[in-house]
Amino acid sequence: MSTAEPVNNNFTVFGIDISRYQGNEISFLTKQTDKLTFVICKATEGITYTDSNFSTNWQAIQTKGYVRGAYHFYHCNDDPAKQAAHYLQTVGPILDTDFPPIVDFEGVSIDPGINSENIQPNLLQFLTLLQQKTGRKPILYTTNNTANKYLTNPEFANFYLWIADYSDSLALPTIWRSTGWILWQKSASYKLQGQLNDFDVFNGHANAFSEFIRSSKIK
């Protein structure tokens, strides 16, 4: 069951997430004209796949002055420790000015034939490894339906929530109702110079965003 949360749509901190499917979009983005604060790019998937545009995107996002993030698409049938190692080796050092590690967990993460009893403990192992290795608390991207079906362990609420919800009102998964959300993917049809993007907003103003980046470090 979900509850709709009243939200203020006057967001001042927003960005996009990109992968190879956006081609060379990063090359024509400019902080002076597009008003984006951050850009998140796909880094890895499973234990072997690396997004073909990751290296270019990762460097260019920083050069152009955006806060950058790198996400891993999680697969339930791959070893969580090997997935963590693949992501960390590919991304390299995550700077204090970057987003913490980001994990994409959605319906297609549930590979056919997977033992459902292993889904939550393995994903928790993966998130914990990222936290231990980077000293940053990870962000978990998911949908309301996927979270309520597969992420029922209250320990997941110890990690930041990036919720995908394209409705006018935001529905939060059960275990995050008390902790709230950090990022909200509001749309998959945000246009920049003709290129469609996912549109993501931060839950707060610019000062709160800066504080979030700082506070994601584990003390």
C-alpha atoms as a PDB file:
ATOM      1  CA  MET A   1       0.000   0.000   0.000  1.00  0.00           C
ATOM      2  CA  SER A   2       1.230   3.506  -0.740  1.00  0.00           C
ATOM      3  CA  THR A   3       0.354   6.977   0.410  1.00  0.00           C
ATOM      4  CA  ALA A   4       0.449  10.083  -1.732  1.00  0.00           C
ATOM      5  CA  GLU A   5       2.606  12.839  -0.343  1.00  0.00           C
ATOM      6  CA  PRO A   6       1.701  16.492  -0.973  1.00  0.00           C
ATOM      7  CA  VAL A   7       4.645  18.133  -2.705  1.00  0.00           C
ATOM      8  CA  ASN A   8       5.702  21.635  -3.620  1.00  0.00           C
ATOM      9  CA  ASN A   9       6.460  21.635  -7.321  1.00  0.00           C
ATOM     10  CA  ASN A  10       8.547  24.809  -7.216  1.00  0.00           C
ATOM     11  CA  PHE A  11      11.786  22.869  -7.357  1.00  0.00           C
ATOM     12  CA  THR A  12      14.976  24.880  -7.683  1.00  0.00           C
ATOM     13  CA  VAL A  13      17.495  22.016  -7.729  1.00  0.00           C
ATOM     14  CA  PHE A  14      17.036  19.613 -10.609  1.00  0.00           C
ATOM     15  CA  GLY A  15      18.973  17.567 -13.103  1.00  0.00           C
ATOM     16  CA  ILE A  16      18.877  14.684 -15.569  1.00  0.00           C
ATOM     17  CA  ASP A  17      20.185  11.131 -15.752  1.00  0.00           C
ATOM     18  CA  ILE A  18      21.865   9.892 -18.914  1.00  0.00           C
ATOM     19  CA  SER A  19      23.455   6.847 -20.499  1.00  0.00           C
ATOM     20  CA  ARG A  20      24.634   5.803 -23.942  1.00  0.00           C
ATOM     21  CA  TYR A  21      21.031   6.133 -25.130  1.00  0.00           C
ATOM     22  CA  GLN A  22      21.397   9.930 -24.977  1.00  0.00           C
ATOM     23  CA  GLY A  23      24.447   9.712 -27.250  1.00  0.00           C
ATOM     24  CA  ASN A  24      26.773  12.719 -26.986  1.00  0.00           C
ATOM     25  CA  GLU A  25      24.223  14.914 -25.213  1.00  0.00           C
ATOM     26  CA  ILE A  26      26.737  15.911 -22.556  1.00  0.00           C
ATOM     27  CA  SER A  27      28.783  17.699 -25.234  1.00  0.00           C
ATOM     28  CA  PHE A  28      26.121  20.369 -25.815  1.00  0.00           C
ATOM     29  CA  LEU A  29      24.887  20.869 -22.262  1.00  0.00           C
ATOM     30  CA  THR A  30      25.977  24.144 -20.669  1.00  0.00           C
ATOM     31  CA  LYS A  31      25.388  25.138 -17.070  1.00  0.00           C
ATOM     32  CA  GLN A  32      24.804  28.731 -18.153  1.00  0.00           C
ATOM     33  CA  THR A  33      21.736  27.957 -20.272  1.00  0.00           C
ATOM     34  CA  ASP A  34      20.157  24.654 -19.236  1.00  0.00           C
ATOM     35  CA  LYS A  35      19.785  25.499 -15.515  1.00  0.00           C
ATOM     36  CA  LEU A  36      20.657  21.964 -14.415  1.00  0.00           C
ATOM     37  CA  THR A  37      22.389  21.537 -11.072  1.00  0.00           C
ATOM     38  CA  PHE A  38      23.374  17.887 -11.490  1.00  0.00           C
ATOM     39  CA  VAL A  39      23.799  15.158 -14.080  1.00  0.00           C
ATOM     40  CA  ILE A  40      23.776  11.460 -13.184  1.00  0.00           C
ATOM     41  CA  CYS A  41      25.173   8.933 -15.651  1.00  0.00           C
ATOM     42  CA  LYS A  42      25.051   5.172 -15.961  1.00  0.00           C
ATOM     43  CA  ALA A  43      28.329   3.496 -15.079  1.00  0.00           C
ATOM     44  CA  THR A  44      27.845  -0.257 -14.852  1.00  0.00           C
ATOM     45  CA  GLU A  45      25.427  -3.165 -14.882  1.00  0.00           C
ATOM     46  CA  GLY A  46      25.812  -6.597 -13.358  1.00  0.00           C
ATOM     47  CA  ILE A  47      29.388  -7.871 -13.121  1.00  0.00           C
ATOM     48  CA  THR A  48      30.747  -7.180 -16.612  1.00  0.00           C
ATOM     49  CA  TYR A  49      28.838  -4.423 -18.432  1.00  0.00           C
ATOM     50  CA  THR A  50      30.123  -0.843 -18.553  1.00  0.00           C
ATOM     51  CA  ASP A  51      28.157   1.887 -20.298  1.00  0.00           C
ATOM     52  CA  SER A  52      30.059   2.803 -23.448  1.00  0.00           C
ATOM     53  CA  ASN A  53      29.653   6.533 -22.759  1.00  0.00           C
ATOM     54  CA  PHE A  54      30.522   6.407 -19.086  1.00  0.00           C
ATOM     55  CA  SER A  55      34.124   7.566 -19.214  1.00  0.00           C
ATOM     56  CA  THR A  56      33.276  10.519 -21.466  1.00  0.00           C
ATOM     57  CA  ASN A  57      30.170  11.460 -19.485  1.00  0.00           C
ATOM     58  CA  TRP A  58      31.838  11.141 -16.087  1.00  0.00           C
ATOM     59  CA  GLN A  59      34.688  13.466 -16.981  1.00  0.00           C
ATOM     60  CA  ALA A  60      32.595  15.975 -18.926  1.00  0.00           C
ATOM     61  CA  ILE A  61      29.963  16.337 -16.193  1.00  0.00           C
ATOM     62  CA  GLN A  62      32.654  17.502 -13.792  1.00  0.00           C
ATOM     63  CA  THR A  63      34.400  19.709 -16.367  1.00  0.00           C
ATOM     64  CA  LYS A  64      31.138  21.482 -17.159  1.00  0.00           C
ATOM     65  CA  GLY A  65      30.532  22.290 -13.499  1.00  0.00           C
ATOM     66  CA  TYR A  66      27.632  20.001 -12.632  1.00  0.00           C
ATOM     67  CA  VAL A  67      27.419  17.879  -9.532  1.00  0.00           C
ATOM     68  CA  ARG A  68      27.904  14.392 -10.919  1.00  0.00           C
ATOM     69  CA  GLY A  69      26.626  10.963  -9.981  1.00  0.00           C
ATOM     70  CA  ALA A  70      27.273   7.458 -11.312  1.00  0.00           C
ATOM     71  CA  TYR A  71      24.778   4.622 -11.049  1.00  0.00           C
ATOM     72  CA  HIS A  72      24.944   0.842 -11.214  1.00  0.00           C
ATOM     73  CA  PHE A  73      22.079  -1.235 -12.595  1.00  0.00           C
ATOM     74  CA  TYR A  74      21.715  -4.120 -10.173  1.00  0.00           C
ATOM     75  CA  HIS A  75      21.002  -7.712 -11.256  1.00  0.00           C
ATOM     76  CA  CYS A  76      19.717 -10.183  -8.684  1.00  0.00           C
ATOM     77  CA  ASN A  77      21.345 -13.194 -10.339  1.00  0.00           C
ATOM     78  CA  ASP A  78      24.854 -11.693 -10.125  1.00  0.00           C
ATOM     79  CA  ASP A  79      27.079 -11.933  -7.077  1.00  0.00           C
ATOM     80  CA  PRO A  80      26.665  -8.721  -5.011  1.00  0.00           C
ATOM     81  CA  ALA A  81      30.337  -8.524  -4.050  1.00  0.00           C
ATOM     82  CA  LYS A  82      31.427  -8.867  -7.676  1.00  0.00           C
ATOM     83  CA  GLN A  83      28.915  -6.222  -8.724  1.00  0.00           C
ATOM     84  CA  ALA A  84      30.267  -3.835  -6.101  1.00  0.00           C
ATOM     85  CA  ALA A  85      33.845  -4.474  -7.226  1.00  0.00           C
ATOM     86  CA  HIS A  86      32.899  -3.906 -10.869  1.00  0.00           C
ATOM     87  CA  TYR A  87      31.196  -0.597 -10.081  1.00  0.00           C
ATOM     88  CA  LEU A  88      33.981   0.696  -7.846  1.00  0.00           C
ATOM     89  CA  GLN A  89      36.751  -0.279 -10.260  1.00  0.00           C
ATOM     90  CA  THR A  90      34.940   1.398 -13.142  1.00  0.00           C
ATOM     91  CA  VAL A  91      34.020   4.639 -11.380  1.00  0.00           C
ATOM     92  CA  GLY A  92      37.222   5.093  -9.415  1.00  0.00           C
ATOM     93  CA  PRO A  93      37.396   7.640  -6.588  1.00  0.00           C
ATOM     94  CA  ILE A  94      34.087   9.294  -5.741  1.00  0.00           C
ATOM     95  CA  LEU A  95      34.883  12.846  -4.711  1.00  0.00           C
ATOM     96  CA  ASP A  96      33.332  14.716  -1.805  1.00  0.00           C
ATOM     97  CA  THR A  97      31.655  16.962  -4.390  1.00  0.00           C
ATOM     98  CA  ASP A  98      30.001  14.018  -6.177  1.00  0.00           C
ATOM     99  CA  PHE A  99      26.790  12.207  -5.360  1.00  0.00           C
ATOM    100  CA  PRO A 100      27.338   9.107  -3.230  1.00  0.00           C
ATOM    101  CA  PRO A 101      27.118   5.737  -5.038  1.00  0.00           C
ATOM    102  CA  ILE A 102      23.782   5.179  -6.758  1.00  0.00           C
ATOM    103  CA  VAL A 103      22.076   1.817  -7.295  1.00  0.00           C
ATOM    104  CA  ASP A 104      19.254   1.226  -9.781  1.00  0.00           C
ATOM    105  CA  PHE A 105      16.906  -1.531  -8.587  1.00  0.00           C
ATOM    106  CA  GLU A 106      13.682  -2.019 -10.540  1.00  0.00           C
ATOM    107  CA  GLY A 107      11.433  -4.735 -11.909  1.00  0.00           C
ATOM    108  CA  VAL A 108      13.866  -5.937 -14.540  1.00  0.00           C
ATOM    109  CA  SER A 109      16.515  -6.335 -11.844  1.00  0.00           C
ATOM    110  CA  ILE A 110      14.558  -9.410 -10.760  1.00  0.00           C
ATOM    111  CA  ASP A 111      16.135 -11.937 -13.107  1.00  0.00           C
ATOM    112  CA  PRO A 112      14.091 -15.026 -14.118  1.00  0.00           C
ATOM    113  CA  GLY A 113      14.490 -18.000 -11.820  1.00  0.00           C
ATOM    114  CA  ILE A 114      16.050 -16.027  -8.973  1.00  0.00           C
ATOM    115  CA  ASN A 115      15.415 -17.308  -5.451  1.00  0.00           C
ATOM    116  CA  SER A 116      13.242 -14.584  -3.960  1.00  0.00           C
ATOM    117  CA  GLU A 117      14.628 -15.248  -0.484  1.00  0.00           C
ATOM    118  CA  ASN A 118      18.049 -14.020  -1.608  1.00  0.00           C
ATOM    119  CA  ILE A 119      16.943 -10.731  -3.155  1.00  0.00           C
ATOM    120  CA  GLN A 120      16.897  -8.541  -0.059  1.00  0.00           C
ATOM    121  CA  PRO A 121      19.959  -9.873   1.822  1.00  0.00           C
ATOM    122  CA  ASN A 122      22.078  -9.770  -1.341  1.00  0.00           C
ATOM    123  CA  LEU A 123      21.034  -6.237  -2.229  1.00  0.00           C
ATOM    124  CA  LEU A 124      21.708  -5.138   1.353  1.00  0.00           C
ATOM    125  CA  GLN A 125      25.153  -6.742   1.110  1.00  0.00           C
ATOM    126  CA  PHE A 126      25.816  -4.814  -2.104  1.00  0.00           C
ATOM    127  CA  LEU A 127      24.726  -1.479  -0.620  1.00  0.00           C
ATOM    128  CA  THR A 128      26.715  -2.088   2.557  1.00  0.00           C
ATOM    129  CA  LEU A 129      29.858  -2.895   0.566  1.00  0.00           C
ATOM    130  CA  LEU A 130      29.529   0.342  -1.385  1.00  0.00           C
ATOM    131  CA  GLN A 131      29.112   2.265   1.842  1.00  0.00           C
ATOM    132  CA  GLN A 132      32.096   0.615   3.464  1.00  0.00           C
ATOM    133  CA  LYS A 133      34.366   1.068   0.449  1.00  0.00           C
ATOM    134  CA  THR A 134      33.477   4.690  -0.289  1.00  0.00           C
ATOM    135  CA  GLY A 135      32.580   6.082   3.111  1.00  0.00           C
ATOM    136  CA  ARG A 136      29.357   7.422   1.594  1.00  0.00           C
ATOM    137  CA  LYS A 137      25.770   6.351   2.171  1.00  0.00           C
ATOM    138  CA  PRO A 138      24.364   5.033  -1.153  1.00  0.00           C
ATOM    139  CA  ILE A 139      21.239   6.194  -2.958  1.00  0.00           C
ATOM    140  CA  LEU A 140      18.748   3.532  -4.045  1.00  0.00           C
ATOM    141  CA  TYR A 141      16.647   4.195  -7.147  1.00  0.00           C
ATOM    142  CA  THR A 142      13.392   2.279  -7.395  1.00  0.00           C
ATOM    143  CA  THR A 143       9.673   2.510  -8.055  1.00  0.00           C
ATOM    144  CA  ASN A 144       6.887   2.413  -5.535  1.00  0.00           C
ATOM    145  CA  ASN A 145       5.513  -0.935  -6.747  1.00  0.00           C
ATOM    146  CA  THR A 146       8.917  -2.614  -6.899  1.00  0.00           C
ATOM    147  CA  ALA A 147       9.888  -1.369  -3.461  1.00  0.00           C
ATOM    148  CA  ASN A 148       6.666  -2.464  -1.800  1.00  0.00           C
ATOM    149  CA  LYS A 149       6.958  -5.923  -3.336  1.00  0.00           C
ATOM    150  CA  TYR A 150      10.669  -6.632  -2.921  1.00  0.00           C
ATOM    151  CA  LEU A 151      12.120  -4.098  -0.437  1.00  0.00           C
ATOM    152  CA  THR A 152      10.245  -4.800   2.763  1.00  0.00           C
ATOM    153  CA  ASN A 153      13.236  -5.037   5.126  1.00  0.00           C
ATOM    154  CA  PRO A 154      13.312  -1.825   7.214  1.00  0.00           C
ATOM    155  CA  GLU A 155      17.116  -1.744   6.837  1.00  0.00           C
ATOM    156  CA  PHE A 156      16.682  -0.345   3.329  1.00  0.00           C
ATOM    157  CA  ALA A 157      15.398   2.869   4.864  1.00  0.00           C
ATOM    158  CA  ASN A 158      18.956   3.473   6.111  1.00  0.00           C
ATOM    159  CA  PHE A 159      19.813   4.352   2.507  1.00  0.00           C
ATOM    160  CA  TYR A 160      18.656   7.391   0.553  1.00  0.00           C
ATOM    161  CA  LEU A 161      15.642   7.012  -1.723  1.00  0.00           C
ATOM    162  CA  TRP A 162      15.504   8.121  -5.357  1.00  0.00           C
ATOM    163  CA  ILE A 163      11.905   7.417  -6.326  1.00  0.00           C
ATOM    164  CA  ALA A 164      10.597   7.096  -9.886  1.00  0.00           C
ATOM    165  CA  ASP A 165       6.993   8.288 -10.038  1.00  0.00           C
ATOM    166  CA  TYR A 166       5.542  10.057 -13.076  1.00  0.00           C
ATOM    167  CA  SER A 167       2.199  10.937 -11.478  1.00  0.00           C
ATOM    168  CA  ASP A 168       1.261  14.399 -10.242  1.00  0.00           C
ATOM    169  CA  SER A 169       1.403  13.344  -6.598  1.00  0.00           C
ATOM    170  CA  LEU A 170       4.292  11.389  -5.130  1.00  0.00           C
ATOM    171  CA  ALA A 171       3.667   7.946  -3.643  1.00  0.00           C
ATOM    172  CA  LEU A 172       6.328   6.742  -1.214  1.00  0.00           C
ATOM    173  CA  PRO A 173       7.150   3.080  -0.558  1.00  0.00           C
ATOM    174  CA  THR A 174       6.093   1.862   2.852  1.00  0.00           C
ATOM    175  CA  ILE A 175       9.500   1.649   4.520  1.00  0.00           C
ATOM    176  CA  TRP A 176      10.528   5.151   3.439  1.00  0.00           C
ATOM    177  CA  ARG A 177       7.398   6.926   4.674  1.00  0.00           C
ATOM    178  CA  SER A 178       9.126   8.124   7.826  1.00  0.00           C
ATOM    179  CA  THR A 179      12.492   8.976   6.244  1.00  0.00           C
ATOM    180  CA  GLY A 180      11.261  10.535   3.006  1.00  0.00           C
ATOM    181  CA  TRP A 181      12.940  10.915  -0.371  1.00  0.00           C
ATOM    182  CA  ILE A 182      16.066  12.623  -1.689  1.00  0.00           C
ATOM    183  CA  LEU A 183      15.515  12.532  -5.456  1.00  0.00           C
ATOM    184  CA  TRP A 184      12.319  12.224  -7.472  1.00  0.00           C
ATOM    185  CA  GLN A 185      12.339  11.173 -11.114  1.00  0.00           C
ATOM    186  CA  LYS A 186       9.226  13.053 -12.186  1.00  0.00           C
ATOM    187  CA  SER A 187       9.272  12.569 -15.937  1.00  0.00           C
ATOM    188  CA  ALA A 188      10.892  10.651 -18.779  1.00  0.00           C
ATOM    189  CA  SER A 189      10.133  13.312 -21.380  1.00  0.00           C
ATOM    190  CA  TYR A 190      12.190  16.355 -20.408  1.00  0.00           C
ATOM    191  CA  LYS A 191      13.615  17.947 -23.560  1.00  0.00           C
ATOM    192  CA  LEU A 192      16.975  19.647 -23.929  1.00  0.00           C
ATOM    193  CA  GLN A 193      17.698  20.754 -27.484  1.00  0.00           C
ATOM    194  CA  GLY A 194      15.398  18.053 -28.797  1.00  0.00           C
ATOM    195  CA  GLN A 195      16.856  15.233 -26.690  1.00  0.00           C
ATOM    196  CA  LEU A 196      14.484  13.434 -24.310  1.00  0.00           C
ATOM    197  CA  ASN A 197      15.709  12.911 -20.758  1.00  0.00           C
ATOM    198  CA  ASP A 198      14.577  11.705 -17.381  1.00  0.00           C
ATOM    199  CA  PHE A 199      13.862  14.758 -15.226  1.00  0.00           C
ATOM    200  CA  ASP A 200      14.972  14.519 -11.592  1.00  0.00           C
ATOM    201  CA  VAL A 201      14.399  16.928  -8.726  1.00  0.00           C
ATOM    202  CA  PHE A 202      16.049  17.251  -5.332  1.00  0.00           C
ATOM    203  CA  ASN A 203      13.919  17.477  -2.220  1.00  0.00           C
ATOM    204  CA  GLY A 204      15.102  20.880  -1.030  1.00  0.00           C
ATOM    205  CA  HIS A 205      16.711  24.180  -1.936  1.00  0.00           C
ATOM    206  CA  ALA A 206      20.281  24.843  -3.052  1.00  0.00           C
ATOM    207  CA  ASN A 207      21.734  25.091   0.452  1.00  0.00           C
ATOM    208  CA  ALA A 208      20.022  21.844   1.448  1.00  0.00           C
ATOM    209  CA  PHE A 209      21.460  20.169  -1.635  1.00  0.00           C
ATOM    210  CA  SER A 210      24.988  21.242  -0.738  1.00  0.00           C
ATOM    211  CA  GLU A 211      24.453  19.996   2.795  1.00  0.00           C
ATOM    212  CA  PHE A 212      23.148  16.666   1.482  1.00  0.00           C
ATOM    213  CA  ILE A 213      26.283  16.102  -0.597  1.00  0.00           C
ATOM    214  CA  ARG A 214      28.390  16.830   2.496  1.00  0.00           C
ATOM    215  CA  SER A 215      26.263  14.807   4.919  1.00  0.00           C
ATOM    216  CA  SER A 216      26.284  11.641   2.824  1.00  0.00           C
ATOM    217  CA  LYS A 217      29.791  10.990   4.146  1.00  0.00           C
ATOM    218  CA  ILE A 218      29.849   8.411   6.935  1.00  0.00           C
ATOM    219  CA  LYS A 219      31.342   9.853  10.095  1.00  0.00           C
END
